[in-house]
Amino acid sequence: MESDRDREKHRRRVRLVKRLLRHMPRRGNLHRYPILRCFERQARQRGYLWSFRVREVVPALYVGWILTLTPILSLHIFVACLLSFIFRANIMIVVLLQFVSMPWTVPILWYADYKVGAFFVEVLGTPQVEAIRRSYAQVSFKGIGDLFIHGDQWVRWFFTTTLGAIILGMFLGHISAAIYRYLAKRS
């Protein structure tokens, strides 16, 4: 009787997972997603892109969190697909994490990235950061860069925000990976 309960619990969990994953990209429905269509042939051949084993999910969590926090607006999903191939990570998790950075959450995420990055820039010390800033400031920012902000300030903001995104992404990836490992061991 105990085994019947266990089997029924397992069946319920499988039905729940199937219901949750119904609209996610899979090997059989890649043609429905315009961005993934260019990766279709390569994605069908690589099993690690679809696996939920710990060794494929943990890199996906790290890559996904870092990428979703970086200030590269509107390129996230395309870059996520490329990074899934490079890091041998689960493509569904990396792409799904990109939906954290929605238009109404981007200002909040970038502000947090900038604050964390600014804190670590101060901790690293001004001489190292000044040398990096000066090397980027020599690049001519005519045109698009001048439309937003003067080139020097734009580079400083981008560098600080990217540094904060990497630090926050590693932190959130570590927490997510620990939770996933715990849940994987438990089931």
Protein backbone atom coordinates (compact mmCIF):
# COMPACT_ATOMS: atom_id res chain seq x y z
CA MET A 1 0.00 0.00 0.00
CA GLU A 2 2.88 2.31 0.75
CA SER A 3 4.24 1.78 -2.73
CA ASP A 4 0.89 2.75 -4.29
CA ARG A 5 1.01 6.08 -2.45
CA ASP A 6 4.56 6.66 -3.59
CA ARG A 7 3.65 5.88 -7.17
CA GLU A 8 0.68 8.23 -7.04
CA LYS A 9 2.85 11.01 -5.58
CA HIS A 10 5.37 10.44 -8.34
CA ARG A 11 2.64 10.54 -11.00
CA ARG A 12 1.30 13.81 -9.55
CA ARG A 13 4.77 15.35 -9.63
CA VAL A 14 5.31 14.22 -13.22
CA ARG A 15 1.94 15.68 -14.30
CA LEU A 16 2.76 18.97 -12.58
CA VAL A 17 6.17 19.19 -14.28
CA LYS A 18 4.64 18.35 -17.65
CA ARG A 19 2.02 21.05 -17.18
CA LEU A 20 4.69 23.61 -16.21
CA LEU A 21 6.95 22.71 -19.14
CA ARG A 22 4.17 22.57 -21.75
CA HIS A 23 4.99 25.99 -23.25
CA MET A 24 8.76 25.77 -22.93
CA PRO A 25 10.91 25.08 -25.98
CA ARG A 26 11.73 21.42 -26.50
CA ARG A 27 13.46 19.49 -29.24
CA GLY A 28 10.16 18.82 -30.97
CA ASN A 29 8.79 22.38 -31.03
CA LEU A 30 11.88 24.51 -31.75
CA HIS A 31 10.41 25.64 -35.07
CA ARG A 32 7.77 27.68 -33.17
CA TYR A 33 10.35 30.05 -31.66
CA PRO A 34 11.85 32.51 -34.14
CA ILE A 35 15.00 33.20 -32.12
CA LEU A 36 15.72 29.51 -31.57
CA ARG A 37 15.03 28.62 -35.19
CA CYS A 38 18.58 29.58 -36.21
CA PHE A 39 19.96 27.13 -33.61
CA GLU A 40 17.49 24.35 -34.42
CA ARG A 41 19.81 21.82 -36.07
CA GLN A 42 22.59 22.20 -33.48
CA ALA A 43 20.13 22.23 -30.57
CA ARG A 44 18.53 18.94 -31.60
CA GLN A 45 21.92 17.21 -31.61
CA ARG A 46 23.03 18.32 -28.13
CA GLY A 47 21.31 16.53 -25.28
CA TYR A 48 22.79 18.70 -22.55
CA LEU A 49 20.67 21.64 -23.71
CA TRP A 50 17.54 19.81 -22.59
CA SER A 51 18.82 17.91 -19.56
CA PHE A 52 17.81 18.76 -15.99
CA ARG A 53 20.77 17.01 -14.40
CA VAL A 54 22.72 19.04 -11.86
CA ARG A 55 25.78 19.37 -14.10
CA GLU A 56 23.68 21.12 -16.79
CA VAL A 57 21.40 23.14 -14.53
CA VAL A 58 24.03 24.70 -12.24
CA PRO A 59 25.95 26.44 -15.07
CA ALA A 60 22.60 27.51 -16.53
CA LEU A 61 21.67 29.21 -13.28
CA TYR A 62 24.96 31.08 -13.05
CA VAL A 63 25.00 32.11 -16.71
CA GLY A 64 21.31 33.01 -16.66
CA TRP A 65 21.51 35.25 -13.60
CA ILE A 66 24.65 37.07 -14.73
CA LEU A 67 23.26 37.62 -18.20
CA THR A 68 19.85 38.84 -17.06
CA LEU A 69 21.48 41.49 -14.88
CA THR A 70 23.89 42.83 -17.50
CA PRO A 71 22.99 46.06 -19.31
CA ILE A 72 22.64 44.63 -22.83
CA LEU A 73 19.00 45.37 -23.46
CA SER A 74 17.15 43.33 -26.13
CA LEU A 75 20.03 40.94 -26.82
CA HIS A 76 19.54 38.72 -23.80
CA ILE A 77 17.80 35.74 -25.40
CA PHE A 78 20.12 35.53 -28.40
CA VAL A 79 23.20 35.75 -26.16
CA ALA A 80 21.59 33.24 -23.77
CA CYS A 81 21.32 30.69 -26.58
CA LEU A 82 24.96 31.16 -27.53
CA LEU A 83 26.14 30.91 -23.92
CA SER A 84 24.12 27.73 -23.42
CA PHE A 85 26.17 26.09 -26.16
CA ILE A 86 29.47 27.44 -24.81
CA PHE A 87 28.91 26.49 -21.15
CA ARG A 88 27.00 23.25 -21.89
CA ALA A 89 24.04 24.52 -19.90
CA ASN A 90 20.30 23.87 -20.00
CA ILE A 91 18.92 26.27 -22.60
CA MET A 92 15.44 26.44 -21.10
CA ILE A 93 16.67 27.68 -17.74
CA VAL A 94 19.05 30.24 -19.23
CA VAL A 95 16.34 31.64 -21.51
CA LEU A 96 13.71 31.54 -18.77
CA LEU A 97 15.91 33.60 -16.45
CA GLN A 98 16.09 36.32 -19.09
CA PHE A 99 12.44 37.11 -18.45
CA VAL A 100 13.37 38.47 -15.02
CA SER A 101 14.59 41.60 -16.78
CA MET A 102 11.28 42.94 -18.00
CA PRO A 103 10.89 46.61 -19.01
CA TRP A 104 9.51 47.54 -15.60
CA THR A 105 12.20 45.64 -13.67
CA VAL A 106 15.21 46.83 -15.69
CA PRO A 107 15.58 50.20 -13.89
CA ILE A 108 15.47 48.47 -10.51
CA LEU A 109 17.96 45.78 -11.56
CA TRP A 110 20.35 48.26 -13.15
CA TYR A 111 20.17 50.55 -10.12
CA ALA A 112 21.03 47.62 -7.83
CA ASP A 113 23.82 46.59 -10.22
CA TYR A 114 25.22 50.11 -10.23
CA LYS A 115 25.12 50.43 -6.44
CA VAL A 116 26.85 47.06 -5.92
CA GLY A 117 29.36 47.86 -8.66
CA ALA A 118 30.07 51.31 -7.21
CA PHE A 119 30.66 49.77 -3.79
CA PHE A 120 33.17 47.29 -5.20
CA VAL A 121 34.85 49.98 -7.32
CA GLU A 122 35.48 51.88 -4.10
CA VAL A 123 36.74 48.71 -2.41
CA LEU A 124 39.06 47.90 -5.34
CA GLY A 125 40.55 51.36 -5.13
CA THR A 126 40.52 54.33 -7.39
CA PRO A 127 43.95 53.93 -9.12
CA GLN A 128 43.07 50.63 -10.85
CA VAL A 129 39.62 51.84 -11.87
CA GLU A 130 41.00 55.20 -13.05
CA ALA A 131 43.49 53.40 -15.31
CA ILE A 132 40.69 51.37 -16.89
CA ARG A 133 38.50 54.45 -17.21
CA ARG A 134 41.29 56.46 -18.86
CA SER A 135 41.98 53.69 -21.38
CA TYR A 136 38.29 53.59 -22.36
CA ALA A 137 38.02 57.38 -22.34
CA GLN A 138 40.54 57.57 -25.19
CA VAL A 139 38.03 55.88 -27.48
CA SER A 140 36.05 58.41 -29.50
CA PHE A 141 32.36 58.42 -28.58
CA LYS A 142 30.94 60.44 -31.45
CA GLY A 143 27.37 59.82 -32.48
CA ILE A 144 25.28 57.40 -30.44
CA GLY A 145 27.39 57.63 -27.27
CA ASP A 146 27.03 61.43 -27.19
CA LEU A 147 23.26 61.14 -27.54
CA PHE A 148 22.95 59.31 -24.23
CA ILE A 149 25.68 60.77 -22.07
CA HIS A 150 29.17 62.06 -22.67
CA GLY A 151 31.43 59.13 -23.49
CA ASP A 152 33.44 59.17 -20.28
CA GLN A 153 30.38 58.99 -18.04
CA TRP A 154 28.78 56.33 -20.24
CA VAL A 155 31.85 54.08 -19.96
CA ARG A 156 32.02 54.59 -16.19
CA TRP A 157 28.31 53.68 -15.83
CA PHE A 158 28.62 50.63 -18.09
CA PHE A 159 31.76 49.35 -16.33
CA THR A 160 30.27 49.85 -12.86
CA THR A 161 26.91 48.33 -13.78
CA THR A 162 28.52 45.32 -15.47
CA LEU A 163 30.76 44.71 -12.46
CA GLY A 164 27.70 44.86 -10.19
CA ALA A 165 25.80 42.51 -12.53
CA ILE A 166 28.58 39.93 -12.39
CA ILE A 167 28.78 40.09 -8.59
CA LEU A 168 25.00 39.98 -8.06
CA GLY A 169 24.62 37.28 -10.73
CA MET A 170 27.23 35.10 -9.04
CA PHE A 171 25.49 35.60 -5.69
CA LEU A 172 22.02 34.78 -7.04
CA GLY A 173 23.43 31.89 -9.08
CA HIS A 174 25.07 30.45 -5.97
CA ILE A 175 21.82 30.64 -4.00
CA SER A 176 19.79 29.16 -6.88
CA ALA A 177 22.31 26.37 -7.43
CA ALA A 178 22.31 25.49 -3.72
CA ILE A 179 18.50 25.32 -3.72
CA TYR A 180 18.47 23.20 -6.89
CA ARG A 181 21.09 20.81 -5.52
CA TYR A 182 19.09 20.43 -2.32
CA LEU A 183 15.87 19.75 -4.21
CA ALA A 184 17.63 17.32 -6.56
CA LYS A 185 19.06 15.33 -3.64
CA ARG A 186 15.71 15.35 -1.88
CA SER A 187 13.84 13.90 -4.84
